């Protein structure tokens, strides 16, 4: 799964969680070993993508890591405040 596919997967998951899906934005930095994704959402939706005690954010990171394993790459997901 390439970097663009990982970006699309993160966008899809985030849009399903938030009240303002048009505000979801994912920026990507890619190198041969790692894909770094930065998720930005409407300030009112930040709590929805983080979840109680960070559980939703951690679940999204777990899904992204599982998807990236196919390429033998690491992926990191940062949520913008």
PDB file of N, CA and C in Angstrom:
ATOM      1  N   UNK A   1       0.845  -1.163   0.000  1.00  0.00           N
ATOM      2  CA  UNK A   1       0.000   0.000   0.000  1.00  0.00           C
ATOM      3  C   UNK A   1       0.892   1.228   0.000  1.00  0.00           C
ATOM      4  N   UNK A   2       0.821   2.031  -1.043  1.00  0.00           N
ATOM      5  CA  UNK A   2       1.679   3.198  -1.179  1.00  0.00           C
ATOM      6  C   UNK A   2       1.253   4.347  -0.290  1.00  0.00           C
ATOM      7  N   UNK A   3       2.060   5.396  -0.301  1.00  0.00           N
ATOM      8  CA  UNK A   3       1.795   6.560   0.535  1.00  0.00           C
ATOM      9  C   UNK A   3       0.453   7.208   0.254  1.00  0.00           C
ATOM     10  N   UNK A   4       0.110   7.328  -1.030  1.00  0.00           N
ATOM     11  CA  UNK A   4      -1.175   7.938  -1.379  1.00  0.00           C
ATOM     12  C   UNK A   4      -2.341   7.100  -0.864  1.00  0.00           C
ATOM     13  N   UNK A   5      -2.230   5.791  -0.927  1.00  0.00           N
ATOM     14  CA  UNK A   5      -3.288   4.923  -0.423  1.00  0.00           C
ATOM     15  C   UNK A   5      -3.439   5.060   1.093  1.00  0.00           C
ATOM     16  N   UNK A   6      -2.313   5.191   1.787  1.00  0.00           N
ATOM     17  CA  UNK A   6      -2.361   5.389   3.233  1.00  0.00           C
ATOM     18  C   UNK A   6      -3.030   6.722   3.558  1.00  0.00           C
ATOM     19  N   UNK A   7      -2.706   7.737   2.784  1.00  0.00           N
ATOM     20  CA  UNK A   7      -3.309   9.062   2.976  1.00  0.00           C
ATOM     21  C   UNK A   7      -4.823   8.979   2.785  1.00  0.00           C
ATOM     22  N   UNK A   8      -5.252   8.296   1.734  1.00  0.00           N
ATOM     23  CA  UNK A   8      -6.682   8.153   1.457  1.00  0.00           C
ATOM     24  C   UNK A   8      -7.390   7.370   2.557  1.00  0.00           C
ATOM     25  N   UNK A   9      -6.743   6.335   3.079  1.00  0.00           N
ATOM     26  CA  UNK A   9      -7.332   5.548   4.158  1.00  0.00           C
ATOM     27  C   UNK A   9      -7.534   6.404   5.406  1.00  0.00           C
ATOM     28  N   UNK A  10      -6.546   7.203   5.773  1.00  0.00           N
ATOM     29  CA  UNK A  10      -6.666   8.070   6.944  1.00  0.00           C
ATOM     30  C   UNK A  10      -7.775   9.108   6.734  1.00  0.00           C
ATOM     31  N   UNK A  11      -7.843   9.693   5.540  1.00  0.00           N
ATOM     32  CA  UNK A  11      -8.906  10.654   5.237  1.00  0.00           C
ATOM     33  C   UNK A  11     -10.277   9.995   5.377  1.00  0.00           C
ATOM     34  N   UNK A  12     -10.422   8.793   4.848  1.00  0.00           N
ATOM     35  CA  UNK A  12     -11.693   8.066   4.907  1.00  0.00           C
ATOM     36  C   UNK A  12     -12.120   7.829   6.361  1.00  0.00           C
ATOM     37  N   UNK A  13     -11.185   7.352   7.189  1.00  0.00           N
ATOM     38  CA  UNK A  13     -11.520   7.087   8.587  1.00  0.00           C
ATOM     39  C   UNK A  13     -11.903   8.380   9.313  1.00  0.00           C
ATOM     40  N   UNK A  14     -11.137   9.446   9.089  1.00  0.00           N
ATOM     41  CA  UNK A  14     -11.399  10.708   9.778  1.00  0.00           C
ATOM     42  C   UNK A  14     -12.741  11.302   9.348  1.00  0.00           C
ATOM     43  N   UNK A  15     -13.035  11.260   8.060  1.00  0.00           N
ATOM     44  CA  UNK A  15     -14.300  11.819   7.562  1.00  0.00           C
ATOM     45  C   UNK A  15     -15.508  11.084   8.144  1.00  0.00           C
ATOM     46  N   UNK A  16     -15.360   9.804   8.420  1.00  0.00           N
ATOM     47  CA  UNK A  16     -16.456   9.021   8.996  1.00  0.00           C
ATOM     48  C   UNK A  16     -16.719   9.405  10.452  1.00  0.00           C
ATOM     49  N   UNK A  17     -15.735   9.988  11.122  1.00  0.00           N
ATOM     50  CA  UNK A  17     -15.859  10.301  12.545  1.00  0.00           C
ATOM     51  C   UNK A  17     -16.362  11.704  12.841  1.00  0.00           C
ATOM     52  N   UNK A  18     -16.116  12.637  11.961  1.00  0.00           N
ATOM     53  CA  UNK A  18     -16.313  14.054  12.285  1.00  0.00           C
ATOM     54  C   UNK A  18     -17.648  14.602  11.788  1.00  0.00           C
ATOM     55  N   UNK A  19     -18.033  15.756  12.344  1.00  0.00           N
ATOM     56  CA  UNK A  19     -19.251  16.446  11.923  1.00  0.00           C
ATOM     57  C   UNK A  19     -19.010  17.342  10.707  1.00  0.00           C
ATOM     58  N   UNK A  20     -17.756  17.724  10.478  1.00  0.00           N
ATOM     59  CA  UNK A  20     -17.388  18.604   9.362  1.00  0.00           C
ATOM     60  C   UNK A  20     -16.390  17.873   8.446  1.00  0.00           C
ATOM     61  N   UNK A  21     -16.862  16.905   7.662  1.00  0.00           N
ATOM     62  CA  UNK A  21     -15.931  16.112   6.837  1.00  0.00           C
ATOM     63  C   UNK A  21     -15.182  16.927   5.786  1.00  0.00           C
ATOM     64  N   UNK A  22     -15.738  18.052   5.365  1.00  0.00           N
ATOM     65  CA  UNK A  22     -15.049  18.873   4.367  1.00  0.00           C
ATOM     66  C   UNK A  22     -13.811  19.556   4.937  1.00  0.00           C
ATOM     67  N   UNK A  23     -13.708  19.623   6.258  1.00  0.00           N
ATOM     68  CA  UNK A  23     -12.560  20.263   6.904  1.00  0.00           C
ATOM     69  C   UNK A  23     -11.387  19.311   7.116  1.00  0.00           C
ATOM     70  N   UNK A  24     -11.588  18.034   6.836  1.00  0.00           N
ATOM     71  CA  UNK A  24     -10.520  17.046   7.041  1.00  0.00           C
ATOM     72  C   UNK A  24      -9.422  17.271   6.004  1.00  0.00           C
ATOM     73  N   UNK A  25      -8.194  17.354   6.491  1.00  0.00           N
ATOM     74  CA  UNK A  25      -7.048  17.561   5.603  1.00  0.00           C
ATOM     75  C   UNK A  25      -5.892  16.691   6.085  1.00  0.00           C
ATOM     76  N   UNK A  26      -5.279  15.972   5.162  1.00  0.00           N
ATOM     77  CA  UNK A  26      -4.139  15.125   5.502  1.00  0.00           C
ATOM     78  C   UNK A  26      -2.951  15.552   4.648  1.00  0.00           C
ATOM     79  N   UNK A  27      -1.850  15.889   5.316  1.00  0.00           N
ATOM     80  CA  UNK A  27      -0.598  16.209   4.634  1.00  0.00           C
ATOM     81  C   UNK A  27       0.341  15.023   4.786  1.00  0.00           C
ATOM     82  N   UNK A  28       1.141  14.772   3.764  1.00  0.00           N
ATOM     83  CA  UNK A  28       1.997  13.585   3.771  1.00  0.00           C
ATOM     84  C   UNK A  28       3.433  13.953   3.426  1.00  0.00           C
ATOM     85  N   UNK A  29       4.356  13.381   4.185  1.00  0.00           N
ATOM     86  CA  UNK A  29       5.783  13.414   3.865  1.00  0.00           C
ATOM     87  C   UNK A  29       6.206  11.967   3.696  1.00  0.00           C
ATOM     88  N   UNK A  30       6.915  11.702   2.630  1.00  0.00           N
ATOM     89  CA  UNK A  30       7.246  10.309   2.307  1.00  0.00           C
ATOM     90  C   UNK A  30       8.730  10.173   2.024  1.00  0.00           C
ATOM     91  N   UNK A  31       9.331   9.128   2.562  1.00  0.00           N
ATOM     92  CA  UNK A  31      10.684   8.747   2.193  1.00  0.00           C
ATOM     93  C   UNK A  31      10.692   7.225   2.065  1.00  0.00           C
ATOM     94  N   UNK A  32      11.774   6.611   1.625  1.00  0.00           N
ATOM     95  CA  UNK A  32      11.759   5.168   1.365  1.00  0.00           C
ATOM     96  C   UNK A  32      11.402   4.294   2.566  1.00  0.00           C
ATOM     97  N   UNK A  33      11.695   4.763   3.781  1.00  0.00           N
ATOM     98  CA  UNK A  33      11.453   3.937   4.967  1.00  0.00           C
ATOM     99  C   UNK A  33      10.196   4.299   5.731  1.00  0.00           C
ATOM    100  N   UNK A  34       9.696   5.510   5.555  1.00  0.00           N
ATOM    101  CA  UNK A  34       8.617   5.976   6.414  1.00  0.00           C
ATOM    102  C   UNK A  34       7.652   6.892   5.670  1.00  0.00           C
ATOM    103  N   UNK A  35       6.394   6.817   6.070  1.00  0.00           N
ATOM    104  CA  UNK A  35       5.370   7.749   5.612  1.00  0.00           C
ATOM    105  C   UNK A  35       4.888   8.493   6.852  1.00  0.00           C
ATOM    106  N   UNK A  36       4.926   9.811   6.790  1.00  0.00           N
ATOM    107  CA  UNK A  36       4.504  10.630   7.924  1.00  0.00           C
ATOM    108  C   UNK A  36       3.248  11.385   7.507  1.00  0.00           C
ATOM    109  N   UNK A  37       2.154  11.169   8.245  1.00  0.00           N
ATOM    110  CA  UNK A  37       0.877  11.794   7.927  1.00  0.00           C
ATOM    111  C   UNK A  37       0.487  12.758   9.035  1.00  0.00           C
ATOM    112  N   UNK A  38      -0.022  13.928   8.631  1.00  0.00           N
ATOM    113  CA  UNK A  38      -0.514  14.920   9.592  1.00  0.00           C
ATOM    114  C   UNK A  38      -1.987  15.160   9.301  1.00  0.00           C
ATOM    115  N   UNK A  39      -2.816  14.884  10.300  1.00  0.00           N
ATOM    116  CA  UNK A  39      -4.262  15.011  10.168  1.00  0.00           C
ATOM    117  C   UNK A  39      -4.720  16.312  10.807  1.00  0.00           C
ATOM    118  N   UNK A  40      -5.454  17.112  10.050  1.00  0.00           N
ATOM    119  CA  UNK A  40      -6.032  18.346  10.574  1.00  0.00           C
ATOM    120  C   UNK A  40      -7.538  18.275  10.372  1.00  0.00           C
ATOM    121  N   UNK A  41      -8.286  18.609  11.426  1.00  0.00           N
ATOM    122  CA  UNK A  41      -9.750  18.621  11.359  1.00  0.00           C
ATOM    123  C   UNK A  41     -10.251  19.938  11.929  1.00  0.00           C
ATOM    124  N   UNK A  42     -11.540  20.191  11.769  1.00  0.00           N
ATOM    125  CA  UNK A  42     -12.161  21.366  12.359  1.00  0.00           C
ATOM    126  C   UNK A  42     -11.928  21.335  13.877  1.00  0.00           C
ATOM    127  N   UNK A  43     -11.637  22.473  14.490  1.00  0.00           N
ATOM    128  CA  UNK A  43     -11.382  22.471  15.942  1.00  0.00           C
ATOM    129  C   UNK A  43     -12.501  21.827  16.760  1.00  0.00           C
ATOM    130  N   UNK A  44     -13.733  21.927  16.297  1.00  0.00           N
ATOM    131  CA  UNK A  44     -14.855  21.322  17.021  1.00  0.00           C
ATOM    132  C   UNK A  44     -14.817  19.796  16.945  1.00  0.00           C
ATOM    133  N   UNK A  45     -14.090  19.244  15.988  1.00  0.00           N
ATOM    134  CA  UNK A  45     -14.041  17.795  15.784  1.00  0.00           C
ATOM    135  C   UNK A  45     -12.787  17.136  16.363  1.00  0.00           C
ATOM    136  N   UNK A  46     -11.881  17.922  16.911  1.00  0.00           N
ATOM    137  CA  UNK A  46     -10.626  17.371  17.417  1.00  0.00           C
ATOM    138  C   UNK A  46     -10.870  16.276  18.451  1.00  0.00           C
ATOM    139  N   UNK A  47     -11.793  16.507  19.361  1.00  0.00           N
ATOM    140  CA  UNK A  47     -12.095  15.509  20.389  1.00  0.00           C
ATOM    141  C   UNK A  47     -12.632  14.222  19.815  1.00  0.00           C
ATOM    142  N   UNK A  48     -13.356  14.301  18.708  1.00  0.00           N
ATOM    143  CA  UNK A  48     -13.916  13.098  18.089  1.00  0.00           C
ATOM    144  C   UNK A  48     -12.835  12.203  17.501  1.00  0.00           C
ATOM    145  N   UNK A  49     -11.786  12.790  16.931  1.00  0.00           N
ATOM    146  CA  UNK A  49     -10.738  11.962  16.347  1.00  0.00           C
ATOM    147  C   UNK A  49      -9.712  11.505  17.377  1.00  0.00           C
ATOM    148  N   UNK A  50      -9.684  12.171  18.529  1.00  0.00           N
ATOM    149  CA  UNK A  50      -8.785  11.722  19.590  1.00  0.00           C
ATOM    150  C   UNK A  50      -9.484  10.693  20.475  1.00  0.00           C
ATOM    151  N   UNK A  51     -10.714  10.962  20.848  1.00  0.00           N
ATOM    152  CA  UNK A  51     -11.477  10.023  21.675  1.00  0.00           C
ATOM    153  C   UNK A  51     -11.081  10.089  23.138  1.00  0.00           C
ATOM    154  N   UNK A  52     -11.847   9.390  23.951  1.00  0.00           N
ATOM    155  CA  UNK A  52     -11.556   9.351  25.385  1.00  0.00           C
ATOM    156  C   UNK A  52     -10.233   8.650  25.617  1.00  0.00           C
ATOM    157  N   UNK A  53      -9.373   9.330  26.352  1.00  0.00           N
ATOM    158  CA  UNK A  53      -8.035   8.832  26.677  1.00  0.00           C
ATOM    159  C   UNK A  53      -7.230   8.461  25.427  1.00  0.00           C
ATOM    160  N   UNK A  54      -7.554   9.083  24.292  1.00  0.00           N
ATOM    161  CA  UNK A  54      -6.797   8.862  23.064  1.00  0.00           C
ATOM    162  C   UNK A  54      -7.056   7.536  22.378  1.00  0.00           C
ATOM    163  N   UNK A  55      -8.146   6.872  22.732  1.00  0.00           N
ATOM    164  CA  UNK A  55      -8.395   5.530  22.194  1.00  0.00           C
ATOM    165  C   UNK A  55      -8.675   5.523  20.697  1.00  0.00           C
ATOM    166  N   UNK A  56      -9.432   6.485  20.210  1.00  0.00           N
ATOM    167  CA  UNK A  56      -9.731   6.505  18.767  1.00  0.00           C
ATOM    168  C   UNK A  56      -8.467   6.825  17.974  1.00  0.00           C
ATOM    169  N   UNK A  57      -7.692   7.784  18.450  1.00  0.00           N
ATOM    170  CA  UNK A  57      -6.438   8.117  17.769  1.00  0.00           C
ATOM    171  C   UNK A  57      -5.508   6.906  17.741  1.00  0.00           C
ATOM    172  N   UNK A  58      -5.429   6.192  18.843  1.00  0.00           N
ATOM    173  CA  UNK A  58      -4.567   5.009  18.897  1.00  0.00           C
ATOM    174  C   UNK A  58      -5.078   3.922  17.959  1.00  0.00           C
ATOM    175  N   UNK A  59      -6.393   3.749  17.883  1.00  0.00           N
ATOM    176  CA  UNK A  59      -6.959   2.751  16.972  1.00  0.00           C
ATOM    177  C   UNK A  59      -6.661   3.114  15.516  1.00  0.00           C
ATOM    178  N   UNK A  60      -6.760   4.391  15.179  1.00  0.00           N
ATOM    179  CA  UNK A  60      -6.448   4.812  13.803  1.00  0.00           C
ATOM    180  C   UNK A  60      -4.972   4.568  13.497  1.00  0.00           C
ATOM    181  N   UNK A  61      -4.098   4.838  14.450  1.00  0.00           N
ATOM    182  CA  UNK A  61      -2.663   4.584  14.234  1.00  0.00           C
ATOM    183  C   UNK A  61      -2.397   3.096  14.042  1.00  0.00           C
ATOM    184  N   UNK A  62      -3.101   2.255  14.795  1.00  0.00           N
ATOM    185  CA  UNK A  62      -2.924   0.806  14.666  1.00  0.00           C
ATOM    186  C   UNK A  62      -3.346   0.326  13.285  1.00  0.00           C
ATOM    187  N   UNK A  63      -4.476   0.818  12.794  1.00  0.00           N
ATOM    188  CA  UNK A  63      -4.948   0.447  11.450  1.00  0.00           C
ATOM    189  C   UNK A  63      -3.945   0.905  10.399  1.00  0.00           C
ATOM    190  N   UNK A  64      -3.418   2.119  10.554  1.00  0.00           N
ATOM    191  CA  UNK A  64      -2.465   2.642   9.582  1.00  0.00           C
ATOM    192  C   UNK A  64      -1.168   1.830   9.586  1.00  0.00           C
ATOM    193  N   UNK A  65      -0.714   1.421  10.761  1.00  0.00           N
ATOM    194  CA  UNK A  65       0.506   0.609  10.838  1.00  0.00           C
ATOM    195  C   UNK A  65       0.292  -0.746  10.191  1.00  0.00           C
ATOM    196  N   UNK A  66      -0.875  -1.336  10.398  1.00  0.00           N
ATOM    197  CA  UNK A  66      -1.178  -2.624   9.777  1.00  0.00           C
ATOM    198  C   UNK A  66      -1.221  -2.496   8.257  1.00  0.00           C
ATOM    199  N   UNK A  67      -1.756  -1.407   7.756  1.00  0.00           N
ATOM    200  CA  UNK A  67      -1.823  -1.189   6.311  1.00  0.00           C
ATOM    201  C   UNK A  67      -0.432  -0.961   5.713  1.00  0.00           C
ATOM    202  N   UNK A  68       0.458  -0.317   6.456  1.00  0.00           N
ATOM    203  CA  UNK A  68       1.791   0.007   5.939  1.00  0.00           C
ATOM    204  C   UNK A  68       2.737  -1.177   5.977  1.00  0.00           C
ATOM    205  N   UNK A  69       2.441  -2.162   6.792  1.00  0.00           N
ATOM    206  CA  UNK A  69       3.333  -3.322   6.949  1.00  0.00           C
ATOM    207  C   UNK A  69       3.532  -4.050   5.623  1.00  0.00           C
ATOM    208  N   UNK A  70       2.570  -4.005   4.761  1.00  0.00           N
ATOM    209  CA  UNK A  70       2.658  -4.674   3.460  1.00  0.00           C
ATOM    210  C   UNK A  70       3.842  -4.160   2.648  1.00  0.00           C
ATOM    211  N   UNK A  71       4.146  -2.872   2.774  1.00  0.00           N
ATOM    212  CA  UNK A  71       5.267  -2.261   2.050  1.00  0.00           C
ATOM    213  C   UNK A  71       6.574  -2.348   2.815  1.00  0.00           C
ATOM    214  N   UNK A  72       6.528  -2.825   4.045  1.00  0.00           N
ATOM    215  CA  UNK A  72       7.732  -2.856   4.866  1.00  0.00           C
ATOM    216  C   UNK A  72       8.164  -1.468   5.289  1.00  0.00           C
ATOM    217  N   UNK A  73       7.192  -0.548   5.396  1.00  0.00           N
ATOM    218  CA  UNK A  73       7.485   0.818   5.786  1.00  0.00           C
ATOM    219  C   UNK A  73       6.836   1.119   7.133  1.00  0.00           C
ATOM    220  N   UNK A  74       7.354   2.150   7.769  1.00  0.00           N
ATOM    221  CA  UNK A  74       6.722   2.636   8.991  1.00  0.00           C
ATOM    222  C   UNK A  74       5.808   3.790   8.630  1.00  0.00           C
ATOM    223  N   UNK A  75       4.784   3.978   9.440  1.00  0.00           N
ATOM    224  CA  UNK A  75       3.885   5.103   9.247  1.00  0.00           C
ATOM    225  C   UNK A  75       3.673   5.776  10.596  1.00  0.00           C
ATOM    226  N   UNK A  76       3.631   7.086  10.584  1.00  0.00           N
ATOM    227  CA  UNK A  76       3.312   7.835  11.795  1.00  0.00           C
ATOM    228  C   UNK A  76       2.170   8.777  11.493  1.00  0.00           C
ATOM    229  N   UNK A  77       1.285   8.925  12.458  1.00  0.00           N
ATOM    230  CA  UNK A  77       0.115   9.789  12.302  1.00  0.00           C
ATOM    231  C   UNK A  77       0.147  10.830  13.410  1.00  0.00           C
ATOM    232  N   UNK A  78       0.179  12.082  13.028  1.00  0.00           N
ATOM    233  CA  UNK A  78       0.127  13.195  13.977  1.00  0.00           C
ATOM    234  C   UNK A  78      -1.193  13.908  13.788  1.00  0.00           C
ATOM    235  N   UNK A  79      -1.837  14.261  14.892  1.00  0.00           N
ATOM    236  CA  UNK A  79      -3.103  14.994  14.836  1.00  0.00           C
ATOM    237  C   UNK A  79      -2.823  16.434  15.229  1.00  0.00           C
ATOM    238  N   UNK A  80      -3.145  17.351  14.325  1.00  0.00           N
ATOM    239  CA  UNK A  80      -2.916  18.782  14.564  1.00  0.00           C
ATOM    240  C   UNK A  80      -3.939  19.316  15.540  1.00  0.00           C
ATOM    241  N   UNK A  81      -3.501  20.185  16.425  1.00  0.00           N
ATOM    242  CA  UNK A  81      -4.425  20.848  17.363  1.00  0.00           C
ATOM    243  C   UNK A  81      -4.989  22.089  16.743  1.00  0.00           C
TER     244      UNK A  81
END
